[in-house]
Amino acid sequence: MSSIKEGVVNELHKPARRNFKRRHVIVKGLNDLIQIDLVEMIPYARVNKGYRYVLIVINVFSKFVWAEPVKRKTGKDVTAAMKKILSQMKAIPRNCQSDMGKEFYNKDFQDLITKFRINHYSTFSTKKASVVERDIVTKYNNTKHKTIRLKPSQVNNRNAKRILQTTYSYLKTSDPKRLKFKVGDHVRISKYRELFSKGYTPNWSNEVFSVIKVKNTNPRTYLLKDENEEPILGAFYSEELQKTAHPQVHLIEKLFIVFVKTSGYKNMNSIIRRTYSDPQLSSGFNRFSALVISFPAIFFNPARRILK
């Protein structure tokens, strides 16, 4: 195995961290943000009158929780549950955060959100909204919370300003001297971002991405683009990225045919059934333009080195 290929393999299989410090969810006031999630209660459906899920809604500022049972994971059922919860609120929140589930991204749910003028968005993170089961909601709302130092049921507009100052008084901006990546760096993405299929074996992406923006959050996060200049949704923590020493190298699973056309000659075309590890073919890259036909992908970028 060549030293370059060995380096790429080591990068792909380097251990990837799942648990690390993440950004705090910053809210501006009592009715600024709610988080929603659908909790599975399928094993208990028989004793819960057929209800298989619970829609959990949390006011991120006050920590107050609402819960509504749902029988089916459909847009109509989840929307009906959300409508009931909104009717119980003293004020409609400005923002709503959820995961990318189809139970939230459908016409029925989006029509409801639009009707109440709520900004709905997702963070594209593996971490979802907090989970609180139905039978502990009442106790939870009437228990003193260590973050706000009050019971969630005691939070109101009169004490909201004081809670805001208490909650975020310790936060600081990121230290510019501890910048791990800079704009233009080539990186791989951890498999724990769930951008890959369940059968994906390496710990890091084979595809290489570029850093396009450094966000001064705490912890610091990064925005990326792929090789087609398309931005990647969501921001990434430094623990989810690994700088690559071989951004111009791609591993190919299979290589069947190489069509070689000599520059400046009309009748010197040929098909070579060899891999790029063949010294005779590799030494001729500067003189030839080649089309690589492989399965499952068909591509070739002359600026990149391809390793078999």
C-alpha atoms as a PDB file:
ATOM      1  CA  MET A   1       0.000   0.000   0.000  1.00  0.00           C
ATOM      2  CA  SER A   2       1.365   3.426  -0.946  1.00  0.00           C
ATOM      3  CA  SER A   3       2.032   5.994   1.789  1.00  0.00           C
ATOM      4  CA  ILE A   4      -0.654   8.325   0.367  1.00  0.00           C
ATOM      5  CA  LYS A   5      -3.303   5.607   0.277  1.00  0.00           C
ATOM      6  CA  GLU A   6      -2.321   4.507   3.770  1.00  0.00           C
ATOM      7  CA  GLY A   7      -2.721   8.106   4.961  1.00  0.00           C
ATOM      8  CA  VAL A   8      -6.225   8.351   3.474  1.00  0.00           C
ATOM      9  CA  VAL A   9      -7.272   5.033   5.032  1.00  0.00           C
ATOM     10  CA  ASN A  10      -5.978   6.190   8.432  1.00  0.00           C
ATOM     11  CA  GLU A  11      -8.003   9.399   8.123  1.00  0.00           C
ATOM     12  CA  LEU A  12     -11.203   7.526   7.258  1.00  0.00           C
ATOM     13  CA  HIS A  13     -10.897   5.139  10.199  1.00  0.00           C
ATOM     14  CA  LYS A  14      -9.630   7.575  12.820  1.00  0.00           C
ATOM     15  CA  PRO A  15     -11.893   7.374  15.934  1.00  0.00           C
ATOM     16  CA  ALA A  16     -14.745   9.904  15.801  1.00  0.00           C
ATOM     17  CA  ARG A  17     -16.206  11.494  18.948  1.00  0.00           C
ATOM     18  CA  ARG A  18     -19.947  11.357  19.591  1.00  0.00           C
ATOM     19  CA  ASN A  19     -20.150  13.256  22.889  1.00  0.00           C
ATOM     20  CA  PHE A  20     -18.637  16.724  23.279  1.00  0.00           C
ATOM     21  CA  LYS A  21     -19.555  20.237  24.414  1.00  0.00           C
ATOM     22  CA  ARG A  22     -22.137  21.856  22.138  1.00  0.00           C
ATOM     23  CA  ARG A  23     -23.581  25.327  21.691  1.00  0.00           C
ATOM     24  CA  HIS A  24     -26.179  26.555  24.147  1.00  0.00           C
ATOM     25  CA  VAL A  25     -29.603  27.347  22.756  1.00  0.00           C
ATOM     26  CA  ILE A  26     -29.845  31.121  23.154  1.00  0.00           C
ATOM     27  CA  VAL A  27     -33.334  32.574  23.563  1.00  0.00           C
ATOM     28  CA  LYS A  28     -34.323  36.242  23.743  1.00  0.00           C
ATOM     29  CA  GLY A  29     -37.316  35.986  26.027  1.00  0.00           C
ATOM     30  CA  LEU A  30     -40.287  34.041  27.346  1.00  0.00           C
ATOM     31  CA  ASN A  31     -42.073  33.495  24.030  1.00  0.00           C
ATOM     32  CA  ASP A  32     -39.047  33.321  21.747  1.00  0.00           C
ATOM     33  CA  LEU A  33     -38.561  29.571  21.148  1.00  0.00           C
ATOM     34  CA  ILE A  34     -40.208  26.197  21.644  1.00  0.00           C
ATOM     35  CA  GLN A  35     -38.681  22.803  20.855  1.00  0.00           C
ATOM     36  CA  ILE A  36     -40.879  19.939  19.691  1.00  0.00           C
ATOM     37  CA  ASP A  37     -40.270  16.224  19.386  1.00  0.00           C
ATOM     38  CA  LEU A  38     -42.291  13.052  18.897  1.00  0.00           C
ATOM     39  CA  VAL A  39     -41.568  10.411  21.537  1.00  0.00           C
ATOM     40  CA  GLU A  40     -42.237   6.756  20.707  1.00  0.00           C
ATOM     41  CA  MET A  41     -44.399   4.850  23.200  1.00  0.00           C
ATOM     42  CA  ILE A  42     -45.185   1.911  20.896  1.00  0.00           C
ATOM     43  CA  PRO A  43     -44.648  -0.886  23.496  1.00  0.00           C
ATOM     44  CA  TYR A  44     -47.379   0.682  25.667  1.00  0.00           C
ATOM     45  CA  ALA A  45     -49.973   1.255  22.912  1.00  0.00           C
ATOM     46  CA  ARG A  46     -52.259  -1.563  24.115  1.00  0.00           C
ATOM     47  CA  VAL A  47     -52.703  -0.046  27.552  1.00  0.00           C
ATOM     48  CA  ASN A  48     -52.837   3.532  26.220  1.00  0.00           C
ATOM     49  CA  LYS A  49     -55.951   3.181  24.026  1.00  0.00           C
ATOM     50  CA  GLY A  50     -53.876   2.767  20.879  1.00  0.00           C
ATOM     51  CA  TYR A  51     -51.760   5.884  21.382  1.00  0.00           C
ATOM     52  CA  ARG A  52     -48.280   5.061  20.088  1.00  0.00           C
ATOM     53  CA  TYR A  53     -46.549   8.449  20.362  1.00  0.00           C
ATOM     54  CA  VAL A  54     -46.419  11.565  22.523  1.00  0.00           C
ATOM     55  CA  LEU A  55     -45.830  15.031  21.077  1.00  0.00           C
ATOM     56  CA  ILE A  56     -43.588  16.937  23.476  1.00  0.00           C
ATOM     57  CA  VAL A  57     -43.373  20.747  23.324  1.00  0.00           C
ATOM     58  CA  ILE A  58     -40.923  22.653  25.528  1.00  0.00           C
ATOM     59  CA  ASN A  59     -40.631  26.389  26.128  1.00  0.00           C
ATOM     60  CA  VAL A  60     -36.842  26.739  26.043  1.00  0.00           C
ATOM     61  CA  PHE A  61     -36.881  29.861  28.223  1.00  0.00           C
ATOM     62  CA  SER A  62     -39.253  28.816  31.019  1.00  0.00           C
ATOM     63  CA  LYS A  63     -38.633  25.041  30.584  1.00  0.00           C
ATOM     64  CA  PHE A  64     -42.426  24.545  30.724  1.00  0.00           C
ATOM     65  CA  VAL A  65     -43.571  21.352  29.004  1.00  0.00           C
ATOM     66  CA  TRP A  66     -46.738  20.357  27.155  1.00  0.00           C
ATOM     67  CA  ALA A  67     -47.527  16.803  26.025  1.00  0.00           C
ATOM     68  CA  GLU A  68     -50.261  15.445  23.770  1.00  0.00           C
ATOM     69  CA  PRO A  69     -50.833  11.757  22.829  1.00  0.00           C
ATOM     70  CA  VAL A  70     -50.736  10.817  19.138  1.00  0.00           C
ATOM     71  CA  LYS A  71     -51.963   7.552  17.597  1.00  0.00           C
ATOM     72  CA  ARG A  72     -50.226   7.702  14.231  1.00  0.00           C
ATOM     73  CA  LYS A  73     -47.018   9.319  13.021  1.00  0.00           C
ATOM     74  CA  THR A  74     -48.781  11.257  10.273  1.00  0.00           C
ATOM     75  CA  GLY A  75     -48.929  14.915   9.409  1.00  0.00           C
ATOM     76  CA  LYS A  76     -52.647  15.152  10.222  1.00  0.00           C
ATOM     77  CA  ASP A  77     -52.374  13.488  13.638  1.00  0.00           C
ATOM     78  CA  VAL A  78     -49.294  15.449  14.724  1.00  0.00           C
ATOM     79  CA  THR A  79     -50.829  18.698  13.463  1.00  0.00           C
ATOM     80  CA  ALA A  80     -54.007  18.052  15.469  1.00  0.00           C
ATOM     81  CA  ALA A  81     -51.927  17.459  18.612  1.00  0.00           C
ATOM     82  CA  MET A  82     -49.873  20.604  17.994  1.00  0.00           C
ATOM     83  CA  LYS A  83     -53.058  22.638  17.538  1.00  0.00           C
ATOM     84  CA  LYS A  84     -54.311  21.469  20.953  1.00  0.00           C
ATOM     85  CA  ILE A  85     -51.031  22.458  22.601  1.00  0.00           C
ATOM     86  CA  LEU A  86     -50.986  25.899  20.970  1.00  0.00           C
ATOM     87  CA  SER A  87     -54.502  26.488  22.311  1.00  0.00           C
ATOM     88  CA  GLN A  88     -53.183  25.868  25.852  1.00  0.00           C
ATOM     89  CA  MET A  89     -50.409  28.470  25.573  1.00  0.00           C
ATOM     90  CA  LYS A  90     -50.834  31.958  27.026  1.00  0.00           C
ATOM     91  CA  ALA A  91     -48.912  33.431  24.073  1.00  0.00           C
ATOM     92  CA  ILE A  92     -47.849  32.063  20.690  1.00  0.00           C
ATOM     93  CA  PRO A  93     -44.058  31.551  20.384  1.00  0.00           C
ATOM     94  CA  ARG A  94     -42.091  33.282  17.638  1.00  0.00           C
ATOM     95  CA  ASN A  95     -39.889  30.293  16.757  1.00  0.00           C
ATOM     96  CA  CYS A  96     -40.271  26.511  16.706  1.00  0.00           C
ATOM     97  CA  GLN A  97     -37.391  24.036  16.427  1.00  0.00           C
ATOM     98  CA  SER A  98     -37.772  20.370  15.453  1.00  0.00           C
ATOM     99  CA  ASP A  99     -35.895  17.600  13.704  1.00  0.00           C
ATOM    100  CA  MET A 100     -36.314  16.976   9.958  1.00  0.00           C
ATOM    101  CA  GLY A 101     -39.064  14.363  10.418  1.00  0.00           C
ATOM    102  CA  LYS A 102     -41.868  14.179   7.853  1.00  0.00           C
ATOM    103  CA  GLU A 103     -44.373  14.444  10.688  1.00  0.00           C
ATOM    104  CA  PHE A 104     -43.299  18.109  10.942  1.00  0.00           C
ATOM    105  CA  TYR A 105     -42.413  18.842   7.318  1.00  0.00           C
ATOM    106  CA  ASN A 106     -45.744  18.300   5.581  1.00  0.00           C
ATOM    107  CA  LYS A 107     -48.532  20.515   4.258  1.00  0.00           C
ATOM    108  CA  ASP A 108     -50.856  20.152   7.257  1.00  0.00           C
ATOM    109  CA  PHE A 109     -48.247  21.034   9.862  1.00  0.00           C
ATOM    110  CA  GLN A 110     -46.708  23.831   7.798  1.00  0.00           C
ATOM    111  CA  ASP A 111     -50.148  25.352   7.188  1.00  0.00           C
ATOM    112  CA  LEU A 112     -50.744  25.425  10.951  1.00  0.00           C
ATOM    113  CA  ILE A 113     -47.349  27.014  11.655  1.00  0.00           C
ATOM    114  CA  THR A 114     -47.927  29.604   8.931  1.00  0.00           C
ATOM    115  CA  LYS A 115     -51.393  30.408  10.289  1.00  0.00           C
ATOM    116  CA  PHE A 116     -49.907  31.291  13.683  1.00  0.00           C
ATOM    117  CA  ARG A 117     -46.930  33.099  12.069  1.00  0.00           C
ATOM    118  CA  ILE A 118     -44.374  30.850  13.757  1.00  0.00           C
ATOM    119  CA  ASN A 119     -40.887  30.534  12.272  1.00  0.00           C
ATOM    120  CA  HIS A 120     -40.213  26.777  11.979  1.00  0.00           C
ATOM    121  CA  TYR A 121     -36.655  25.523  11.494  1.00  0.00           C
ATOM    122  CA  SER A 122     -34.306  22.577  12.114  1.00  0.00           C
ATOM    123  CA  THR A 123     -30.688  22.557  13.275  1.00  0.00           C
ATOM    124  CA  PHE A 124     -29.622  19.423  11.343  1.00  0.00           C
ATOM    125  CA  SER A 125     -27.994  18.111  14.523  1.00  0.00           C
ATOM    126  CA  THR A 126     -28.149  14.612  15.976  1.00  0.00           C
ATOM    127  CA  LYS A 127     -29.398  16.114  19.239  1.00  0.00           C
ATOM    128  CA  LYS A 128     -33.165  16.589  19.389  1.00  0.00           C
ATOM    129  CA  ALA A 129     -35.464  18.484  21.715  1.00  0.00           C
ATOM    130  CA  SER A 130     -35.546  17.359  25.345  1.00  0.00           C
ATOM    131  CA  VAL A 131     -37.680  14.296  26.091  1.00  0.00           C
ATOM    132  CA  VAL A 132     -40.202  14.300  28.932  1.00  0.00           C
ATOM    133  CA  GLU A 133     -42.746  11.499  29.264  1.00  0.00           C
ATOM    134  CA  ARG A 134     -46.421  12.262  29.708  1.00  0.00           C
ATOM    135  CA  ASP A 135     -46.802  11.016  33.276  1.00  0.00           C
ATOM    136  CA  ILE A 136     -44.074  13.310  34.685  1.00  0.00           C
ATOM    137  CA  VAL A 137     -45.023  16.552  32.927  1.00  0.00           C
ATOM    138  CA  THR A 138     -46.999  17.918  35.885  1.00  0.00           C
ATOM    139  CA  LYS A 139     -44.232  17.120  38.373  1.00  0.00           C
ATOM    140  CA  TYR A 140     -41.619  18.537  36.015  1.00  0.00           C
ATOM    141  CA  ASN A 141     -43.417  21.873  35.582  1.00  0.00           C
ATOM    142  CA  ASN A 142     -43.732  22.252  39.350  1.00  0.00           C
ATOM    143  CA  THR A 143     -40.171  21.326  40.285  1.00  0.00           C
ATOM    144  CA  LYS A 144     -37.446  23.953  40.695  1.00  0.00           C
ATOM    145  CA  HIS A 145     -35.150  23.989  37.643  1.00  0.00           C
ATOM    146  CA  LYS A 146     -31.417  24.451  38.292  1.00  0.00           C
ATOM    147  CA  THR A 147     -30.907  26.668  35.231  1.00  0.00           C
ATOM    148  CA  ILE A 148     -33.585  29.278  35.876  1.00  0.00           C
ATOM    149  CA  ARG A 149     -33.699  28.686  39.679  1.00  0.00           C
ATOM    150  CA  LEU A 150     -37.493  28.683  39.607  1.00  0.00           C
ATOM    151  CA  LYS A 151     -40.297  26.287  38.828  1.00  0.00           C
ATOM    152  CA  PRO A 152     -41.200  26.442  35.097  1.00  0.00           C
ATOM    153  CA  SER A 153     -44.795  27.177  36.121  1.00  0.00           C
ATOM    154  CA  GLN A 154     -43.583  30.328  37.953  1.00  0.00           C
ATOM    155  CA  VAL A 155     -41.983  31.982  34.920  1.00  0.00           C
ATOM    156  CA  ASN A 156     -43.821  35.021  33.574  1.00  0.00           C
ATOM    157  CA  ASN A 157     -43.175  38.367  31.882  1.00  0.00           C
ATOM    158  CA  ARG A 158     -42.460  40.062  35.222  1.00  0.00           C
ATOM    159  CA  ASN A 159     -39.414  37.917  36.028  1.00  0.00           C
ATOM    160  CA  ALA A 160     -38.329  37.066  32.460  1.00  0.00           C
ATOM    161  CA  LYS A 161     -35.630  39.764  32.276  1.00  0.00           C
ATOM    162  CA  ARG A 162     -33.991  38.639  35.518  1.00  0.00           C
ATOM    163  CA  ILE A 163     -34.025  34.992  34.383  1.00  0.00           C
ATOM    164  CA  LEU A 164     -32.448  35.965  31.072  1.00  0.00           C
ATOM    165  CA  GLN A 165     -29.538  37.687  32.840  1.00  0.00           C
ATOM    166  CA  THR A 166     -29.064  34.792  35.252  1.00  0.00           C
ATOM    167  CA  THR A 167     -29.171  32.085  32.591  1.00  0.00           C
ATOM    168  CA  TYR A 168     -26.577  33.535  30.198  1.00  0.00           C
ATOM    169  CA  SER A 169     -24.312  35.534  32.510  1.00  0.00           C
ATOM    170  CA  TYR A 170     -21.501  32.959  32.262  1.00  0.00           C
ATOM    171  CA  LEU A 171     -21.367  32.696  28.459  1.00  0.00           C
ATOM    172  CA  LYS A 172     -18.290  34.055  26.675  1.00  0.00           C
ATOM    173  CA  THR A 173     -17.292  34.445  23.050  1.00  0.00           C
ATOM    174  CA  SER A 174     -14.888  31.901  21.562  1.00  0.00           C
ATOM    175  CA  ASP A 175     -11.160  32.483  21.941  1.00  0.00           C
ATOM    176  CA  PRO A 176      -9.793  33.517  18.484  1.00  0.00           C
ATOM    177  CA  LYS A 177      -6.422  31.953  19.362  1.00  0.00           C
ATOM    178  CA  ARG A 178      -8.024  28.491  19.558  1.00  0.00           C
ATOM    179  CA  LEU A 179      -9.175  28.407  15.946  1.00  0.00           C
ATOM    180  CA  LYS A 180      -8.874  24.772  14.837  1.00  0.00           C
ATOM    181  CA  PHE A 181      -9.921  25.285  11.193  1.00  0.00           C
ATOM    182  CA  LYS A 182      -9.846  28.308   8.901  1.00  0.00           C
ATOM    183  CA  VAL A 183     -11.730  29.223   5.736  1.00  0.00           C
ATOM    184  CA  GLY A 184     -10.441  27.154   2.826  1.00  0.00           C
ATOM    185  CA  ASP A 185      -9.346  24.152   4.903  1.00  0.00           C
ATOM    186  CA  HIS A 186     -10.290  20.742   3.493  1.00  0.00           C
ATOM    187  CA  VAL A 187     -12.008  18.470   6.010  1.00  0.00           C
ATOM    188  CA  ARG A 188     -13.843  15.184   6.421  1.00  0.00           C
ATOM    189  CA  ILE A 189     -17.115  14.845   8.352  1.00  0.00           C
ATOM    190  CA  SER A 190     -17.714  12.455  11.254  1.00  0.00           C
ATOM    191  CA  LYS A 191     -20.140   9.604  10.561  1.00  0.00           C
ATOM    192  CA  TYR A 192     -22.061  10.568  13.709  1.00  0.00           C
ATOM    193  CA  ARG A 193     -23.611  13.551  11.903  1.00  0.00           C
ATOM    194  CA  GLU A 194     -25.969  10.940  10.355  1.00  0.00           C
ATOM    195  CA  LEU A 195     -25.335  12.224   6.837  1.00  0.00           C
ATOM    196  CA  PHE A 196     -24.433   8.717   5.776  1.00  0.00           C
ATOM    197  CA  SER A 197     -26.322   5.450   5.378  1.00  0.00           C
ATOM    198  CA  LYS A 198     -26.473   2.895   8.189  1.00  0.00           C
ATOM    199  CA  GLY A 199     -24.066   0.635   6.337  1.00  0.00           C
ATOM    200  CA  TYR A 200     -21.333   3.267   6.164  1.00  0.00           C
ATOM    201  CA  THR A 201     -18.263   1.651   7.751  1.00  0.00           C
ATOM    202  CA  PRO A 202     -15.479   4.297   8.044  1.00  0.00           C
ATOM    203  CA  ASN A 203     -15.655   6.817  10.883  1.00  0.00           C
ATOM    204  CA  TRP A 204     -15.122   9.761   8.514  1.00  0.00           C
ATOM    205  CA  SER A 205     -16.506  10.716   5.102  1.00  0.00           C
ATOM    206  CA  ASN A 206     -14.645   9.657   1.979  1.00  0.00           C
ATOM    207  CA  GLU A 207     -15.812  12.903   0.384  1.00  0.00           C
ATOM    208  CA  VAL A 208     -13.777  16.001   1.219  1.00  0.00           C
ATOM    209  CA  PHE A 209     -15.466  19.310   2.099  1.00  0.00           C
ATOM    210  CA  SER A 210     -14.205  22.890   2.386  1.00  0.00           C
ATOM    211  CA  VAL A 211     -14.677  25.366   5.238  1.00  0.00           C
ATOM    212  CA  ILE A 212     -16.481  28.473   3.942  1.00  0.00           C
ATOM    213  CA  LYS A 213     -17.225  30.292   7.204  1.00  0.00           C
ATOM    214  CA  VAL A 214     -16.145  30.243  10.842  1.00  0.00           C
ATOM    215  CA  LYS A 215     -18.979  31.138  13.246  1.00  0.00           C
ATOM    216  CA  ASN A 216     -17.961  32.847  16.466  1.00  0.00           C
ATOM    217  CA  THR A 217     -20.199  30.716  18.658  1.00  0.00           C
ATOM    218  CA  ASN A 218     -19.364  29.001  21.915  1.00  0.00           C
ATOM    219  CA  PRO A 219     -18.188  26.376  21.141  1.00  0.00           C
ATOM    220  CA  ARG A 220     -17.063  27.557  17.703  1.00  0.00           C
ATOM    221  CA  THR A 221     -18.824  26.072  14.656  1.00  0.00           C
ATOM    222  CA  TYR A 222     -18.063  25.885  10.940  1.00  0.00           C
ATOM    223  CA  LEU A 223     -20.026  26.082   7.687  1.00  0.00           C
ATOM    224  CA  LEU A 224     -19.004  23.816   4.800  1.00  0.00           C
ATOM    225  CA  LYS A 225     -19.450  23.318   1.067  1.00  0.00           C
ATOM    226  CA  ASP A 226     -18.963  20.180  -1.010  1.00  0.00           C
ATOM    227  CA  GLU A 227     -16.788  19.654  -4.076  1.00  0.00           C
ATOM    228  CA  ASN A 228     -19.600  20.928  -6.317  1.00  0.00           C
ATOM    229  CA  GLU A 229     -19.580  24.262  -4.458  1.00  0.00           C
ATOM    230  CA  GLU A 230     -22.944  23.420  -2.840  1.00  0.00           C
ATOM    231  CA  PRO A 231     -23.266  24.573   0.802  1.00  0.00           C
ATOM    232  CA  ILE A 232     -23.915  21.858   3.394  1.00  0.00           C
ATOM    233  CA  LEU A 233     -26.946  22.435   5.611  1.00  0.00           C
ATOM    234  CA  GLY A 234     -26.216  23.062   9.270  1.00  0.00           C
ATOM    235  CA  ALA A 235     -23.130  24.093  11.217  1.00  0.00           C
ATOM    236  CA  PHE A 236     -20.433  21.673  12.396  1.00  0.00           C
ATOM    237  CA  TYR A 237     -18.485  21.475  15.645  1.00  0.00           C
ATOM    238  CA  SER A 238     -14.715  21.018  15.475  1.00  0.00           C
ATOM    239  CA  GLU A 239     -15.151  17.528  16.958  1.00  0.00           C
ATOM    240  CA  GLU A 240     -17.237  16.590  13.917  1.00  0.00           C
ATOM    241  CA  LEU A 241     -14.496  17.595  11.469  1.00  0.00           C
ATOM    242  CA  GLN A 242     -11.052  16.274  10.626  1.00  0.00           C
ATOM    243  CA  LYS A 243      -8.549  18.181   8.485  1.00  0.00           C
ATOM    244  CA  THR A 244      -7.297  16.018   5.633  1.00  0.00           C
ATOM    245  CA  ALA A 245      -3.718  15.899   4.396  1.00  0.00           C
ATOM    246  CA  HIS A 246      -4.879  14.436   1.069  1.00  0.00           C
ATOM    247  CA  PRO A 247      -7.694  16.637  -0.320  1.00  0.00           C
ATOM    248  CA  GLN A 248      -6.797  15.751  -3.925  1.00  0.00           C
ATOM    249  CA  VAL A 249      -7.017  11.990  -3.398  1.00  0.00           C
ATOM    250  CA  HIS A 250     -10.092   9.790  -3.878  1.00  0.00           C
ATOM    251  CA  LEU A 251     -10.368   6.053  -3.325  1.00  0.00           C
ATOM    252  CA  ILE A 252     -12.210   4.123  -6.053  1.00  0.00           C
ATOM    253  CA  GLU A 253     -13.972   0.876  -5.211  1.00  0.00           C
ATOM    254  CA  LYS A 254     -13.804  -0.512  -8.775  1.00  0.00           C
ATOM    255  CA  LEU A 255     -12.225   0.591 -12.044  1.00  0.00           C
ATOM    256  CA  PHE A 256     -13.034  -1.151 -15.311  1.00  0.00           C
ATOM    257  CA  ILE A 257     -12.048   0.921 -18.353  1.00  0.00           C
ATOM    258  CA  VAL A 258      -9.775   3.892 -19.052  1.00  0.00           C
ATOM    259  CA  PHE A 259     -10.215   5.713 -22.364  1.00  0.00           C
ATOM    260  CA  VAL A 260      -6.973   7.526 -23.253  1.00  0.00           C
ATOM    261  CA  LYS A 261      -6.892  10.301 -25.865  1.00  0.00           C
ATOM    262  CA  THR A 262      -3.525  11.785 -26.770  1.00  0.00           C
ATOM    263  CA  SER A 263      -3.520  15.578 -26.916  1.00  0.00           C
ATOM    264  CA  GLY A 264      -2.813  16.885 -30.445  1.00  0.00           C
ATOM    265  CA  TYR A 265      -3.228  13.522 -32.222  1.00  0.00           C
ATOM    266  CA  LYS A 266      -6.360  12.348 -34.039  1.00  0.00           C
ATOM    267  CA  ASN A 267      -5.766   8.608 -34.344  1.00  0.00           C
ATOM    268  CA  MET A 268      -3.973   7.654 -31.133  1.00  0.00           C
ATOM    269  CA  ASN A 269      -7.001   6.850 -28.933  1.00  0.00           C
ATOM    270  CA  SER A 270      -6.893   3.645 -26.891  1.00  0.00           C
ATOM    271  CA  ILE A 271      -8.695   1.787 -24.124  1.00  0.00           C
ATOM    272  CA  ILE A 272      -6.569   0.483 -21.260  1.00  0.00           C
ATOM    273  CA  ARG A 273      -7.954  -2.050 -18.800  1.00  0.00           C
ATOM    274  CA  ARG A 274      -5.615  -1.209 -15.946  1.00  0.00           C
ATOM    275  CA  THR A 275      -5.849   0.574 -12.619  1.00  0.00           C
ATOM    276  CA  TYR A 276      -4.262   3.885 -11.716  1.00  0.00           C
ATOM    277  CA  SER A 277      -1.764   2.060  -9.539  1.00  0.00           C
ATOM    278  CA  ASP A 278      -0.166   0.888 -12.798  1.00  0.00           C
ATOM    279  CA  PRO A 279       3.149   2.874 -13.089  1.00  0.00           C
ATOM    280  CA  GLN A 280       2.957   2.986 -16.888  1.00  0.00           C
ATOM    281  CA  LEU A 281      -0.462   4.658 -16.816  1.00  0.00           C
ATOM    282  CA  SER A 282       0.273   6.921 -13.847  1.00  0.00           C
ATOM    283  CA  SER A 283       3.385   8.376 -15.478  1.00  0.00           C
ATOM    284  CA  GLY A 284       1.375   9.458 -18.494  1.00  0.00           C
ATOM    285  CA  PHE A 285      -1.198  11.635 -16.710  1.00  0.00           C
ATOM    286  CA  ASN A 286       0.538  14.866 -17.686  1.00  0.00           C
ATOM    287  CA  ARG A 287       0.337  13.992 -21.401  1.00  0.00           C
ATOM    288  CA  PHE A 288      -3.118  12.398 -21.568  1.00  0.00           C
ATOM    289  CA  SER A 289      -6.667  13.473 -20.880  1.00  0.00           C
ATOM    290  CA  ALA A 290      -8.629  10.472 -19.636  1.00  0.00           C
ATOM    291  CA  LEU A 291     -12.220   9.438 -19.031  1.00  0.00           C
ATOM    292  CA  VAL A 292     -12.641   7.042 -16.129  1.00  0.00           C
ATOM    293  CA  ILE A 293     -15.618   4.677 -16.326  1.00  0.00           C
ATOM    294  CA  SER A 294     -16.282   2.987 -13.000  1.00  0.00           C
ATOM    295  CA  PHE A 295     -19.175   1.494 -11.063  1.00  0.00           C
ATOM    296  CA  PRO A 296     -21.189   2.771  -9.262  1.00  0.00           C
ATOM    297  CA  ALA A 297     -19.926   6.266 -10.191  1.00  0.00           C
ATOM    298  CA  ILE A 298     -18.790   7.741 -13.523  1.00  0.00           C
ATOM    299  CA  PHE A 299     -16.496  10.718 -13.020  1.00  0.00           C
ATOM    300  CA  PHE A 300     -13.048  12.139 -13.509  1.00  0.00           C
ATOM    301  CA  ASN A 301     -11.427  15.357 -12.399  1.00  0.00           C
ATOM    302  CA  PRO A 302      -7.963  15.935 -13.949  1.00  0.00           C
ATOM    303  CA  ALA A 303      -6.977  18.022 -10.937  1.00  0.00           C
ATOM    304  CA  ARG A 304      -7.410  15.080  -8.576  1.00  0.00           C
ATOM    305  CA  ARG A 305      -5.433  11.916  -8.069  1.00  0.00           C
ATOM    306  CA  ILE A 306      -7.406   8.688  -8.050  1.00  0.00           C
ATOM    307  CA  LEU A 307      -6.150   5.713  -6.046  1.00  0.00           C
ATOM    308  CA  LYS A 308      -7.204   2.103  -6.559  1.00  0.00           C
END
